[in-house]
Amino acid sequence: MPRLQLAALSRSLSFACQELANPQETLEETDFVNQRVVRALYEALNSRDVEKVQRLLSPDLDWWFHGPPPHQFLMRLLTGANPDDSSSSFRFDPQSFASFGPTVIVEGCDYDRSIAWVHAWTVTDGIITQVREYFNTSLTVTRLGSSAKSSPSGFASSSNSSSSTAEIASYHCPSVWESSLSNRVGKSVPGLVLAI
């Protein structure tokens, strides 16, 4: 192969490698930006900055709650419904953050009240569109994915050509995050799995 073609091929391969590397950088950058949005929300919540909270949250926020009904501090804080002493004095002090694309997981604990909490925020274009809230619940986050190539229908064809039946493709659901504070509240708590 002439040197000119080798140089052109080398440049093409180098460009292709850079293109393949960019998606990871973009994902890490997105994780950082999404985490920054969620951190700003906690700062606004704890300083009771209503205008900033409104700028960070979608007006039609999808909210899901798992835990004892008296622990719906976030809902009461965001809606202003029934402000009692416990909800108005509750502070969400995050102790850990983890990001998985649009999902930002935040964990915290109020040792005085024996309450552990986890929030799973979904950030879309710099705005929080969904929150899943867990109180006194052990949470495991898993990533869904196929362990083998499967057909678009979700079924894998059998390796035996004489068989006409299809088998369900096996799926691998690795755990990517687990709450650590739920076992520190001094009581037994239920466990849930959040698949992303």
Protein backbone atom coordinates (compact mmCIF):
# COMPACT_ATOMS: atom_id res chain seq x y z
CA MET A 1 0.00 0.00 0.00
CA PRO A 2 1.51 3.39 -0.95
CA ARG A 3 2.57 5.72 1.89
CA LEU A 4 -0.05 8.31 0.99
CA GLN A 5 -2.84 5.76 1.41
CA LEU A 6 -1.33 4.51 4.68
CA ALA A 7 -1.20 8.07 6.04
CA ALA A 8 -4.80 8.69 5.01
CA LEU A 9 -5.89 5.39 6.56
CA SER A 10 -4.01 6.22 9.75
CA ARG A 11 -5.73 9.64 9.98
CA SER A 12 -9.12 7.99 9.35
CA LEU A 13 -8.51 5.43 12.10
CA SER A 14 -7.32 8.14 14.49
CA PHE A 15 -10.45 10.22 13.79
CA ALA A 16 -12.67 7.14 14.23
CA CYS A 17 -11.02 6.36 17.58
CA GLN A 18 -11.59 9.95 18.75
CA GLU A 19 -15.24 9.70 17.68
CA LEU A 20 -15.62 6.47 19.64
CA ALA A 21 -14.03 8.08 22.72
CA ASN A 22 -16.25 11.16 22.60
CA PRO A 23 -19.50 9.41 23.63
CA GLN A 24 -17.91 8.42 26.97
CA GLU A 25 -16.68 11.97 27.53
CA THR A 26 -20.15 13.23 26.63
CA LEU A 27 -21.77 10.79 29.10
CA GLU A 28 -19.40 11.86 31.89
CA GLU A 29 -20.07 15.51 31.06
CA THR A 30 -23.83 14.87 31.09
CA ASP A 31 -23.54 13.07 34.45
CA PHE A 32 -21.65 16.07 35.86
CA VAL A 33 -24.20 18.59 34.54
CA ASN A 34 -27.17 16.54 35.79
CA GLN A 35 -25.57 16.14 39.19
CA ARG A 36 -24.93 19.90 39.34
CA VAL A 37 -28.65 20.56 38.65
CA VAL A 38 -29.66 18.23 41.50
CA ARG A 39 -27.10 19.73 43.91
CA ALA A 40 -28.49 23.18 43.12
CA LEU A 41 -31.99 21.90 43.94
CA TYR A 42 -30.93 20.73 47.41
CA GLU A 43 -29.29 24.09 48.06
CA ALA A 44 -32.50 25.84 47.01
CA LEU A 45 -34.68 23.52 49.10
CA ASN A 46 -32.60 24.00 52.23
CA SER A 47 -32.44 27.77 51.81
CA ARG A 48 -36.18 27.80 50.94
CA ASP A 49 -35.44 29.63 47.65
CA VAL A 50 -38.82 29.06 45.94
CA GLU A 51 -37.91 30.83 42.69
CA LYS A 52 -34.80 28.71 42.18
CA VAL A 53 -36.73 25.51 42.98
CA GLN A 54 -39.34 26.47 40.37
CA ARG A 55 -36.62 27.07 37.75
CA LEU A 56 -35.05 23.66 38.39
CA LEU A 57 -38.23 21.56 38.47
CA SER A 58 -40.62 20.79 35.65
CA PRO A 59 -44.08 22.26 36.36
CA ASP A 60 -45.53 18.77 35.87
CA LEU A 61 -42.96 16.91 37.99
CA ASP A 62 -43.63 13.16 38.10
CA TRP A 63 -43.30 12.25 41.80
CA TRP A 64 -43.36 8.72 43.22
CA PHE A 65 -43.08 7.95 46.96
CA HIS A 66 -42.29 4.81 48.94
CA GLY A 67 -42.26 5.02 52.71
CA PRO A 68 -44.39 5.96 55.70
CA PRO A 69 -46.94 8.69 54.77
CA PRO A 70 -45.79 11.02 57.60
CA HIS A 71 -42.37 11.17 55.87
CA GLN A 72 -43.62 12.95 52.76
CA PHE A 73 -41.49 15.99 53.65
CA LEU A 74 -40.49 16.72 50.05
CA MET A 75 -44.07 16.71 48.76
CA ARG A 76 -45.18 19.07 51.52
CA LEU A 77 -42.15 21.28 50.94
CA LEU A 78 -42.76 21.51 47.17
CA THR A 79 -46.52 22.02 47.35
CA GLY A 80 -46.78 24.01 50.57
CA ALA A 81 -49.47 21.56 51.71
CA ASN A 82 -50.02 21.25 55.47
CA PRO A 83 -46.79 22.81 56.63
CA ASP A 84 -46.33 21.35 60.09
CA ASP A 85 -43.34 21.62 62.38
CA SER A 86 -41.74 18.38 61.16
CA SER A 87 -41.90 19.17 57.43
CA SER A 88 -40.87 22.80 57.72
CA SER A 89 -37.84 21.91 59.86
CA PHE A 90 -36.77 18.86 57.81
CA ARG A 91 -33.51 19.40 55.93
CA PHE A 92 -32.42 17.24 53.04
CA ASP A 93 -28.68 16.97 53.61
CA PRO A 94 -27.29 14.74 50.85
CA GLN A 95 -24.46 12.46 51.89
CA SER A 96 -23.77 10.78 48.53
CA PHE A 97 -24.45 11.34 44.83
CA ALA A 98 -24.26 8.91 41.91
CA SER A 99 -25.17 9.55 38.27
CA PHE A 100 -26.28 7.15 35.56
CA GLY A 101 -27.11 9.18 32.46
CA PRO A 102 -30.31 11.14 33.15
CA THR A 103 -30.75 9.51 36.59
CA VAL A 104 -29.08 11.06 39.64
CA ILE A 105 -29.26 9.05 42.87
CA VAL A 106 -28.91 10.95 46.15
CA GLU A 107 -28.81 9.45 49.63
CA GLY A 108 -29.09 11.08 53.01
CA CYS A 109 -30.00 10.39 56.61
CA ASP A 110 -31.52 12.19 59.58
CA TYR A 111 -30.05 10.32 62.56
CA ASP A 112 -32.10 12.28 65.11
CA ARG A 113 -35.34 10.99 63.56
CA SER A 114 -33.93 7.58 62.51
CA ILE A 115 -34.79 8.32 58.89
CA ALA A 116 -32.76 7.28 55.84
CA TRP A 117 -33.85 8.56 52.43
CA VAL A 118 -32.94 8.07 48.78
CA HIS A 119 -34.03 10.24 45.85
CA ALA A 120 -33.74 9.10 42.24
CA TRP A 121 -34.03 12.25 40.09
CA THR A 122 -34.45 12.26 36.31
CA VAL A 123 -32.92 15.29 34.61
CA THR A 124 -33.97 16.16 31.06
CA ASP A 125 -32.31 19.08 29.26
CA GLY A 126 -31.26 20.70 32.56
CA ILE A 127 -34.72 20.41 34.17
CA ILE A 128 -35.75 17.83 36.76
CA THR A 129 -38.74 15.95 35.35
CA GLN A 130 -39.15 13.05 37.77
CA VAL A 131 -38.33 12.03 41.34
CA ARG A 132 -38.66 8.66 42.99
CA GLU A 133 -38.45 9.06 46.74
CA TYR A 134 -37.69 6.28 49.21
CA PHE A 135 -37.81 6.64 53.00
CA ASN A 136 -36.46 3.96 55.33
CA THR A 137 -36.08 1.67 52.34
CA SER A 138 -33.00 -0.19 51.18
CA LEU A 139 -32.61 0.56 47.48
CA THR A 140 -30.61 -1.33 44.86
CA VAL A 141 -30.27 0.23 41.40
CA THR A 142 -29.75 -2.15 38.49
CA ARG A 143 -29.11 -1.57 34.83
CA LEU A 144 -31.20 -3.68 32.47
CA GLY A 145 -29.41 -5.24 29.55
CA SER A 146 -29.35 -8.35 27.43
CA SER A 147 -26.54 -10.82 28.09
CA ALA A 148 -26.79 -12.11 24.53
CA LYS A 149 -27.77 -10.66 21.20
CA SER A 150 -31.50 -11.02 20.80
CA SER A 151 -33.90 -10.42 18.00
CA PRO A 152 -36.02 -7.22 18.00
CA SER A 153 -38.99 -9.21 19.31
CA GLY A 154 -37.09 -9.96 22.52
CA PHE A 155 -36.77 -13.67 21.77
CA ALA A 156 -33.63 -15.54 20.82
CA SER A 157 -33.93 -18.30 18.28
CA SER A 158 -32.93 -21.78 19.39
CA SER A 159 -29.51 -23.10 18.39
CA ASN A 160 -31.16 -26.35 17.35
CA SER A 161 -32.32 -25.77 13.77
CA SER A 162 -34.90 -28.58 13.96
CA SER A 163 -36.69 -26.85 16.81
CA SER A 164 -39.25 -24.23 15.87
CA THR A 165 -39.82 -22.91 19.40
CA ALA A 166 -38.24 -19.68 20.56
CA GLU A 167 -36.57 -19.18 23.89
CA ILE A 168 -36.76 -16.03 25.94
CA ALA A 169 -33.41 -14.27 25.82
CA SER A 170 -31.56 -14.23 29.11
CA TYR A 171 -31.08 -10.83 30.68
CA HIS A 172 -28.30 -9.60 32.87
CA CYS A 173 -29.21 -7.01 35.51
CA PRO A 174 -26.02 -5.90 37.23
CA SER A 175 -26.32 -3.89 40.41
CA VAL A 176 -24.79 -0.44 39.82
CA TRP A 177 -25.60 1.20 43.16
CA GLU A 178 -26.87 0.21 46.61
CA SER A 179 -28.02 2.39 49.48
CA SER A 180 -25.76 2.24 52.50
CA LEU A 181 -27.54 4.40 55.07
CA SER A 182 -30.79 2.43 55.37
CA ASN A 183 -29.17 -0.09 57.71
CA ARG A 184 -28.04 2.69 60.06
CA VAL A 185 -31.48 3.88 61.14
CA GLY A 186 -31.68 1.12 63.74
CA LYS A 187 -34.62 -0.83 62.37
CA SER A 188 -35.44 -3.36 59.72
CA VAL A 189 -36.42 -1.73 56.41
CA PRO A 190 -37.92 -3.12 53.19
CA GLY A 191 -35.75 -3.51 50.13
CA LEU A 192 -36.62 -2.43 46.60
CA VAL A 193 -34.93 -2.61 43.22
CA LEU A 194 -34.97 0.32 40.79
CA ALA A 195 -34.22 -0.72 37.21
CA ILE A 196 -32.76 1.93 34.92
